[in-house]
Protein backbone atom coordinates (compact mmCIF):
# COMPACT_ATOMS: atom_id res chain seq x y z
CA MET A 1 126.97 171.97 240.93
CA ARG A 2 129.60 174.71 241.56
CA THR A 3 133.17 173.91 240.92
CA GLY A 4 136.61 175.40 241.43
CA THR A 5 140.12 174.84 240.34
CA ILE A 6 143.13 174.21 242.66
CA THR A 7 146.57 174.31 241.06
CA LEU A 8 149.75 172.82 242.43
CA ASN A 9 152.85 173.98 240.58
CA GLY A 10 156.50 172.71 240.84
CA LEU A 11 156.03 169.66 242.84
CA ARG A 12 159.42 167.88 242.53
CA SER A 13 161.31 164.74 243.53
CA PHE A 14 164.32 162.83 242.45
CA GLY A 15 163.26 159.66 240.67
CA HIS A 16 164.61 156.79 238.63
CA HIS A 17 162.13 156.78 235.76
CA GLY A 18 163.17 156.19 232.09
CA VAL A 19 163.72 153.57 229.53
CA PHE A 20 167.51 153.67 229.66
CA ALA A 21 169.49 151.75 232.26
CA TYR A 22 171.59 154.86 233.11
CA GLU A 23 168.37 156.70 233.87
CA ARG A 24 167.31 154.00 236.24
CA GLU A 25 170.70 153.87 237.92
CA LEU A 26 171.59 157.54 238.12
CA GLY A 27 168.10 158.98 238.50
CA GLN A 28 167.13 162.68 237.77
CA TRP A 29 164.63 165.30 238.89
CA PHE A 30 161.03 165.21 237.88
CA VAL A 31 158.53 168.01 238.20
CA ALA A 32 154.70 167.94 238.34
CA ASP A 33 151.99 170.54 237.97
CA LEU A 34 148.43 169.66 238.78
CA GLU A 35 145.18 171.42 237.98
CA LEU A 36 142.26 169.86 240.05
CA THR A 37 138.64 170.65 239.25
CA ILE A 38 136.87 170.28 242.52
CA ALA A 39 133.36 170.52 243.94
CA TRP A 40 132.93 173.82 245.58
CA PRO A 41 132.61 173.39 249.41
CA GLU A 42 129.41 174.43 251.08
CA ASP A 43 131.16 175.79 254.24
CA ASP A 44 134.55 176.88 255.49
CA LEU A 45 135.81 173.57 256.69
CA LEU A 46 138.77 171.53 255.36
CA THR A 47 136.63 168.35 255.75
CA SER A 48 134.28 169.89 253.05
CA THR A 49 136.87 170.20 250.32
CA VAL A 50 139.98 168.57 248.90
CA ASP A 51 143.19 168.55 251.10
CA TYR A 52 145.60 169.68 248.48
CA GLY A 53 148.48 169.13 250.92
CA VAL A 54 147.74 165.43 250.90
CA ILE A 55 147.58 165.37 247.09
CA ALA A 56 150.92 167.15 246.94
CA ARG A 57 152.69 164.59 249.25
CA GLU A 58 151.13 161.66 247.19
CA THR A 59 152.44 163.24 243.90
CA VAL A 60 155.92 163.78 245.29
CA ALA A 61 155.93 160.18 246.42
CA LEU A 62 154.95 158.94 242.94
CA LEU A 63 157.60 161.24 241.43
CA GLY A 64 160.31 159.62 243.59
CA GLY A 65 158.77 156.20 243.79
CA SER A 66 158.73 152.91 241.87
CA PRO A 67 160.30 153.57 238.49
CA VAL A 68 158.23 153.46 235.26
CA ASN A 69 159.56 153.60 231.68
CA LEU A 70 157.49 156.59 230.41
CA ILE A 71 156.58 160.04 231.84
CA GLU A 72 153.13 159.28 230.23
CA THR A 73 152.72 156.40 232.69
CA LEU A 74 153.93 158.57 235.52
CA ALA A 75 151.40 161.29 234.64
CA ALA A 76 148.55 158.79 234.47
CA ASN A 77 149.52 157.23 237.86
CA ILE A 78 149.48 160.79 239.39
CA ALA A 79 146.11 161.54 237.83
CA ASP A 80 144.64 158.23 239.07
CA GLN A 81 145.81 158.89 242.55
CA ALA A 82 144.41 162.39 242.67
CA LEU A 83 141.09 161.07 241.47
CA THR A 84 140.80 158.85 244.51
CA HIS A 85 140.01 161.91 246.47
CA ILE A 86 136.27 162.48 246.87
CA GLY A 87 135.54 166.00 245.51
CA VAL A 88 138.14 165.89 242.63
CA HIS A 89 136.23 165.76 239.44
CA CYS A 90 138.95 166.30 236.98
CA VAL A 91 142.73 166.52 237.04
CA LYS A 92 145.21 167.81 234.52
CA VAL A 93 148.78 166.63 235.24
CA ARG A 94 151.95 167.92 233.62
CA VAL A 95 155.09 165.93 234.25
CA SER A 96 158.32 167.51 233.32
CA LYS A 97 161.66 165.83 232.70
CA PRO A 98 164.17 168.66 232.51
CA GLU A 99 167.15 166.36 232.28
CA ALA A 100 165.71 164.07 229.51
CA PRO A 101 168.28 162.18 227.35
CA LEU A 102 168.13 164.36 224.23
CA SER A 103 171.12 165.03 221.95
CA VAL A 104 170.06 168.57 221.19
CA PRO A 105 169.91 171.69 223.39
CA PHE A 106 166.43 172.00 225.15
CA ASP A 107 164.90 173.57 228.25
CA ASN A 108 162.30 170.86 229.20
CA VAL A 109 160.36 167.82 228.04
CA SER A 110 156.91 167.37 229.51
CA ILE A 111 153.65 165.58 228.97
CA ILE A 112 150.22 166.76 229.75
CA PHE A 113 147.57 164.25 230.77
CA THR A 114 143.95 164.95 231.59
CA LYS A 115 141.49 162.67 233.22
CA GLU A 116 137.94 163.00 234.53
CA ARG A 117 136.17 160.97 237.21
CA ASN A 118 134.06 158.28 235.77
CA LEU A 119 130.60 159.30 237.00
CA VAL A 120 128.59 156.26 236.24
């Protein structure tokens, strides 16, 4: 089987994720990058491949959706959603939290989560 990779970079939404009450109350920006390993389409039709526009919208909805405590959970939820699309065999998700509550200077905090479709 031939495969390819689609990347979606810099998907972002304002969300209320975090373990601290002020994170939940005030919210902050979250950013996601996805790398989707897909089955290579046999023709030139959108219906023969993965509609990455749909996956982008779903990812942004999760970033701004129901709060979770950990960015690890958020990344896993995004990966699970991406894998519901036929044709996506593996997804690597990076969730960044550029306004994380750290007491030292920093540029970004992120988690990378990889998950493959269970082909049983």
